[in-house]
C-alpha atoms as a PDB file:
ATOM      1  CA  MET A   1       7.206 -14.188  23.097  1.00  0.00           C
ATOM      2  CA  ALA A   2       6.079 -13.867  26.730  1.00  0.00           C
ATOM      3  CA  GLU A   3       8.975 -11.863  27.662  1.00  0.00           C
ATOM      4  CA  SER A   4       8.032  -9.289  24.864  1.00  0.00           C
ATOM      5  CA  PHE A   5       4.486  -9.180  26.192  1.00  0.00           C
ATOM      6  CA  PHE A   6       5.525  -8.530  29.769  1.00  0.00           C
ATOM      7  CA  GLY A   7       8.104  -5.863  28.649  1.00  0.00           C
ATOM      8  CA  ILE A   8       5.290  -4.036  26.736  1.00  0.00           C
ATOM      9  CA  LEU A   9       2.898  -4.546  29.755  1.00  0.00           C
ATOM     10  CA  LYS A  10       5.337  -3.025  32.113  1.00  0.00           C
ATOM     11  CA  THR A  11       6.082  -0.049  29.750  1.00  0.00           C
ATOM     12  CA  GLU A  12       2.403   0.629  28.863  1.00  0.00           C
ATOM     13  CA  LEU A  13       0.629  -0.092  32.237  1.00  0.00           C
ATOM     14  CA  LEU A  14       2.936  -0.674  35.262  1.00  0.00           C
ATOM     15  CA  TYR A  15       5.318   2.199  34.764  1.00  0.00           C
ATOM     16  CA  THR A  16       2.665   4.734  33.814  1.00  0.00           C
ATOM     17  CA  GLN A  17       0.330   4.409  36.828  1.00  0.00           C
ATOM     18  CA  ASN A  18       0.328   4.204  40.608  1.00  0.00           C
ATOM     19  CA  PHE A  19      -1.856   1.594  42.159  1.00  0.00           C
ATOM     20  CA  GLU A  20      -3.197   2.063  45.611  1.00  0.00           C
ATOM     21  CA  THR A  21      -4.479  -1.618  46.112  1.00  0.00           C
ATOM     22  CA  ALA A  22      -3.929  -4.942  44.592  1.00  0.00           C
ATOM     23  CA  ASP A  23      -7.550  -4.995  43.451  1.00  0.00           C
ATOM     24  CA  GLU A  24      -7.079  -1.681  41.585  1.00  0.00           C
ATOM     25  CA  PHE A  25      -4.050  -3.229  39.868  1.00  0.00           C
ATOM     26  CA  THR A  26      -5.909  -6.369  38.989  1.00  0.00           C
ATOM     27  CA  ALA A  27      -8.770  -4.443  37.461  1.00  0.00           C
ATOM     28  CA  SER A  28      -6.335  -2.301  35.396  1.00  0.00           C
ATOM     29  CA  LEU A  29      -4.514  -5.485  34.247  1.00  0.00           C
ATOM     30  CA  LYS A  30      -7.747  -7.061  33.049  1.00  0.00           C
ATOM     31  CA  GLU A  31      -8.625  -3.950  31.111  1.00  0.00           C
ATOM     32  CA  TYR A  32      -5.183  -3.818  29.692  1.00  0.00           C
ATOM     33  CA  ILE A  33      -5.269  -7.443  28.555  1.00  0.00           C
ATOM     34  CA  HIS A  34      -8.533  -6.880  26.842  1.00  0.00           C
ATOM     35  CA  TYR A  35      -7.158  -3.796  25.145  1.00  0.00           C
ATOM     36  CA  TYR A  36      -3.980  -5.608  24.053  1.00  0.00           C
ATOM     37  CA  ASN A  37      -5.864  -8.502  22.532  1.00  0.00           C
ATOM     38  CA  ASN A  38      -8.874  -6.769  20.991  1.00  0.00           C
ATOM     39  CA  GLU A  39      -8.092  -3.088  20.279  1.00  0.00           C
ATOM     40  CA  ARG A  40      -4.437  -2.574  20.023  1.00  0.00           C
ATOM     41  CA  ILE A  41      -3.489  -2.241  16.287  1.00  0.00           C
ATOM     42  CA  LYS A  42      -0.316  -3.891  15.164  1.00  0.00           C
ATOM     43  CA  ASN A  43       1.431  -2.833  11.964  1.00  0.00           C
ATOM     44  CA  ARG A  44       2.934  -6.318  11.326  1.00  0.00           C
ATOM     45  CA  LEU A  45      -0.652  -7.745  11.484  1.00  0.00           C
ATOM     46  CA  ASN A  46      -1.690  -5.497   8.546  1.00  0.00           C
ATOM     47  CA  GLY A  47      -3.175  -2.929  10.797  1.00  0.00           C
ATOM     48  CA  LYS A  48      -5.537  -5.243  12.736  1.00  0.00           C
ATOM     49  CA  SER A  49      -5.725  -6.345  16.353  1.00  0.00           C
ATOM     50  CA  GLN A  50      -4.640  -9.773  17.288  1.00  0.00           C
ATOM     51  CA  VAL A  51      -8.333 -10.978  17.515  1.00  0.00           C
ATOM     52  CA  GLU A  52      -9.199  -9.532  14.155  1.00  0.00           C
ATOM     53  CA  TYR A  53      -6.157 -11.099  12.498  1.00  0.00           C
ATOM     54  CA  ARG A  54      -6.788 -14.534  13.950  1.00  0.00           C
ATOM     55  CA  ALA A  55     -10.360 -14.406  12.804  1.00  0.00           C
ATOM     56  CA  LEU A  56      -9.226 -13.404   9.327  1.00  0.00           C
ATOM     57  CA  ILE A  57      -6.632 -16.304   9.178  1.00  0.00           C
ATOM     58  CA  GLN A  58      -9.237 -18.820  10.340  1.00  0.00           C
ATOM     59  CA  LYS A  59     -11.559 -17.972   7.491  1.00  0.00           C
ATOM     60  CA  THR A  60      -8.921 -18.765   4.744  1.00  0.00           C
END
Protein backbone atom coordinates (compact mmCIF):
# COMPACT_ATOMS: atom_id res chain seq x y z
CA MET A 1 0.00 0.00 0.00
CA ALA A 2 2.78 2.44 0.88
CA GLU A 3 4.65 1.59 -2.32
CA SER A 4 1.54 2.44 -4.33
CA PHE A 5 1.20 5.81 -2.58
CA PHE A 6 4.86 6.70 -3.16
CA GLY A 7 4.59 5.68 -6.81
CA ILE A 8 1.60 7.98 -7.29
CA LEU A 9 3.34 10.74 -5.31
CA LYS A 10 6.39 10.59 -7.55
CA THR A 11 4.30 10.54 -10.73
CA GLU A 12 1.92 13.36 -9.75
CA LEU A 13 4.26 15.64 -7.77
CA LEU A 14 7.95 14.86 -7.89
CA TYR A 15 8.37 14.25 -11.62
CA THR A 16 6.13 17.16 -12.68
CA GLN A 17 7.88 19.99 -10.82
CA ASN A 18 11.36 21.35 -10.19
CA PHE A 19 12.00 22.44 -6.62
CA GLU A 20 14.58 25.12 -5.87
CA THR A 21 14.80 24.46 -2.13
CA ALA A 22 13.94 21.78 0.39
CA ASP A 23 11.42 24.16 1.97
CA GLU A 24 9.63 24.56 -1.36
CA PHE A 25 9.45 20.78 -1.72
CA THR A 26 8.18 20.37 1.86
CA ALA A 27 5.41 22.93 1.30
CA SER A 28 4.37 21.25 -1.96
CA LEU A 29 4.43 17.84 -0.29
CA LYS A 30 2.12 19.03 2.51
CA GLU A 31 -0.30 20.47 -0.07
CA TYR A 32 -0.19 17.26 -2.08
CA ILE A 33 -0.90 15.05 0.96
CA HIS A 34 -3.88 17.24 1.86
CA TYR A 35 -5.13 16.99 -1.74
CA TYR A 36 -4.55 13.22 -1.82
CA ASN A 37 -6.53 12.59 1.36
CA ASN A 38 -9.27 15.21 1.11
CA GLU A 39 -9.92 16.08 -2.52
CA ARG A 40 -8.63 13.32 -4.80
CA ILE A 41 -11.64 11.34 -6.04
CA LYS A 42 -11.26 7.57 -6.35
CA ASN A 43 -13.56 5.46 -8.54
CA ARG A 44 -13.11 2.42 -6.32
CA LEU A 45 -14.37 4.49 -3.36
CA ASN A 46 -17.64 5.23 -5.17
CA GLY A 47 -16.47 8.63 -6.43
CA LYS A 48 -15.51 9.91 -2.99
CA SER A 49 -12.25 11.10 -1.48
CA GLN A 50 -10.60 8.93 1.15
CA VAL A 51 -11.79 11.19 3.98
CA GLU A 52 -15.39 11.23 2.68
CA TYR A 53 -15.40 7.47 2.27
CA ARG A 54 -14.04 6.83 5.78
CA ALA A 55 -16.65 9.16 7.27
CA LEU A 56 -19.40 7.34 5.38
CA ILE A 57 -18.17 3.94 6.57
CA GLN A 58 -17.97 5.08 10.21
CA LYS A 59 -21.61 6.21 10.13
CA THR A 60 -22.83 2.73 9.22
